[in-house]
Amino acid sequence: MATVEDVRWLGSSLERSYQVYVRGRLKFRVKQIVYVAFSLDETEMGFAFPKEERAALVAAQPHRFRMPRPSDLRFNWVEADLAALNPAEAREFVVDAWRMVVPKKVTRAYDLAHPDGPG
């Protein structure tokens, strides 16, 4: 079972990433782009995810993943139940979401420094 604490350090350590609280909700941003956000009760994690792949993810694992609310369908976004993820999976989703909002040269540098993926 993953928790916010399993990924907070990671989101804060990724290049160009910083954490903010918006209306009490923890979010991670690169510039003004939010790539990970948690529900107020910290039981759900929304994260950047390719629009063209999210329907398949949600259909395959509806007990773990949900489509974003209708007003957010235009964004590259999906939501997950943190209790249904293990900590390593949650960290992978955070890094993959971050990759969507930073330049390729930044992700290449991360890959060189972390050949085995997020810790």
Protein backbone atom coordinates (compact mmCIF):
# COMPACT_ATOMS: atom_id res chain seq x y z
CA MET A 1 0.00 0.00 0.00
CA ALA A 2 1.49 3.34 -1.09
CA THR A 3 1.22 6.58 0.85
CA VAL A 4 2.03 10.20 0.13
CA GLU A 5 5.21 9.82 2.17
CA ASP A 6 6.41 7.11 -0.22
CA VAL A 7 6.62 9.66 -3.04
CA ARG A 8 6.92 13.09 -1.38
CA TRP A 9 10.73 12.94 -1.23
CA LEU A 10 10.86 11.86 -4.87
CA GLY A 11 8.63 14.64 -6.17
CA SER A 12 10.69 17.14 -4.21
CA SER A 13 13.99 15.77 -5.52
CA LEU A 14 13.25 15.61 -9.25
CA GLU A 15 14.91 18.34 -11.27
CA ARG A 16 12.75 21.46 -11.75
CA SER A 17 10.04 19.96 -9.54
CA TYR A 18 8.62 21.58 -6.43
CA GLN A 19 5.74 20.93 -4.07
CA VAL A 20 2.90 23.32 -3.35
CA TYR A 21 -0.32 23.20 -1.39
CA VAL A 22 -3.40 24.44 -3.21
CA ARG A 23 -6.55 24.57 -1.09
CA GLY A 24 -4.92 22.11 1.29
CA ARG A 25 -3.99 19.60 -1.42
CA LEU A 26 -0.37 18.59 -2.02
CA LYS A 27 0.68 19.01 -5.65
CA PHE A 28 3.96 18.71 -7.52
CA ARG A 29 4.74 21.13 -10.32
CA VAL A 30 7.29 21.94 -12.93
CA LYS A 31 6.90 25.66 -13.55
CA GLN A 32 3.11 26.06 -13.42
CA ILE A 33 2.28 22.57 -14.74
CA VAL A 34 0.92 20.18 -12.14
CA TYR A 35 2.04 16.62 -12.83
CA VAL A 36 0.98 14.92 -9.55
CA ALA A 37 -1.75 15.88 -7.08
CA PHE A 38 -3.20 14.21 -4.00
CA SER A 39 -6.71 14.31 -2.61
CA LEU A 40 -7.31 16.22 0.63
CA ASP A 41 -7.42 12.97 2.58
CA GLU A 42 -4.32 11.72 0.71
CA THR A 43 -6.01 8.48 -0.39
CA GLU A 44 -5.97 9.29 -4.12
CA MET A 45 -3.19 10.37 -6.43
CA GLY A 46 -3.85 12.06 -9.76
CA PHE A 47 -0.99 12.16 -12.20
CA ALA A 48 -0.07 13.09 -15.74
CA PHE A 49 -0.72 10.18 -18.07
CA PRO A 50 -1.11 9.98 -21.87
CA LYS A 51 -4.75 10.55 -22.87
CA GLU A 52 -4.57 7.90 -25.57
CA GLU A 53 -3.55 5.21 -23.05
CA ARG A 54 -5.66 6.01 -19.99
CA ALA A 55 -8.93 4.36 -21.10
CA ALA A 56 -7.10 1.05 -21.50
CA LEU A 57 -5.43 1.44 -18.09
CA VAL A 58 -8.74 2.19 -16.37
CA ALA A 59 -10.60 -0.60 -18.19
CA ALA A 60 -7.93 -3.15 -17.31
CA GLN A 61 -7.72 -2.19 -13.63
CA PRO A 62 -10.86 -0.28 -12.57
CA HIS A 63 -10.29 -1.15 -8.90
CA ARG A 64 -7.02 0.83 -9.04
CA PHE A 65 -7.47 3.60 -11.60
CA ARG A 66 -10.18 6.09 -12.57
CA MET A 67 -10.71 8.58 -15.32
CA PRO A 68 -10.48 12.20 -14.20
CA ARG A 69 -13.69 14.12 -13.60
CA PRO A 70 -15.40 15.27 -16.81
CA SER A 71 -14.02 18.82 -16.60
CA ASP A 72 -10.46 17.39 -16.56
CA LEU A 73 -10.82 14.93 -19.45
CA ARG A 74 -9.08 17.38 -21.77
CA PHE A 75 -5.88 16.99 -19.75
CA ASN A 76 -3.33 14.16 -19.80
CA TRP A 77 -4.49 12.88 -16.43
CA VAL A 78 -5.64 9.76 -14.58
CA GLU A 79 -6.37 9.05 -10.93
CA ALA A 80 -5.33 6.14 -8.72
CA ASP A 81 -6.33 4.74 -5.35
CA LEU A 82 -3.07 4.91 -3.37
CA ALA A 83 -4.01 1.89 -1.26
CA ALA A 84 -4.14 -0.20 -4.44
CA LEU A 85 -0.58 0.73 -5.48
CA ASN A 86 2.62 -0.50 -3.97
CA PRO A 87 5.26 2.16 -3.18
CA ALA A 88 7.49 1.23 -6.14
CA GLU A 89 4.57 1.57 -8.59
CA ALA A 90 3.61 4.93 -7.11
CA ARG A 91 7.19 6.18 -7.56
CA GLU A 92 7.23 4.96 -11.18
CA PHE A 93 4.00 6.85 -11.91
CA VAL A 94 5.46 10.01 -10.36
CA VAL A 95 8.62 9.79 -12.47
CA ASP A 96 6.66 8.99 -15.65
CA ALA A 97 4.33 11.94 -15.00
CA TRP A 98 7.33 14.21 -14.41
CA ARG A 99 8.86 13.02 -17.70
CA MET A 100 5.79 14.35 -19.50
CA VAL A 101 6.44 17.94 -18.36
CA VAL A 102 10.21 18.37 -18.53
CA PRO A 103 12.50 18.61 -21.56
CA LYS A 104 13.95 15.38 -22.97
CA LYS A 105 17.49 16.40 -21.99
CA VAL A 106 16.38 16.49 -18.35
CA THR A 107 14.89 12.99 -18.56
CA ARG A 108 18.04 11.70 -20.26
CA ALA A 109 20.16 13.07 -17.41
CA TYR A 110 17.83 11.42 -14.89
CA ASP A 111 18.09 8.08 -16.71
CA LEU A 112 21.89 8.25 -16.66
CA ALA A 113 21.91 9.02 -12.94
CA HIS A 114 19.23 6.40 -12.11
CA PRO A 115 19.71 3.43 -14.47
CA ASP A 116 17.56 1.19 -12.23
CA GLY A 117 14.67 3.66 -12.06
CA PRO A 118 13.37 5.52 -9.01
CA GLY A 119 14.58 4.24 -5.67
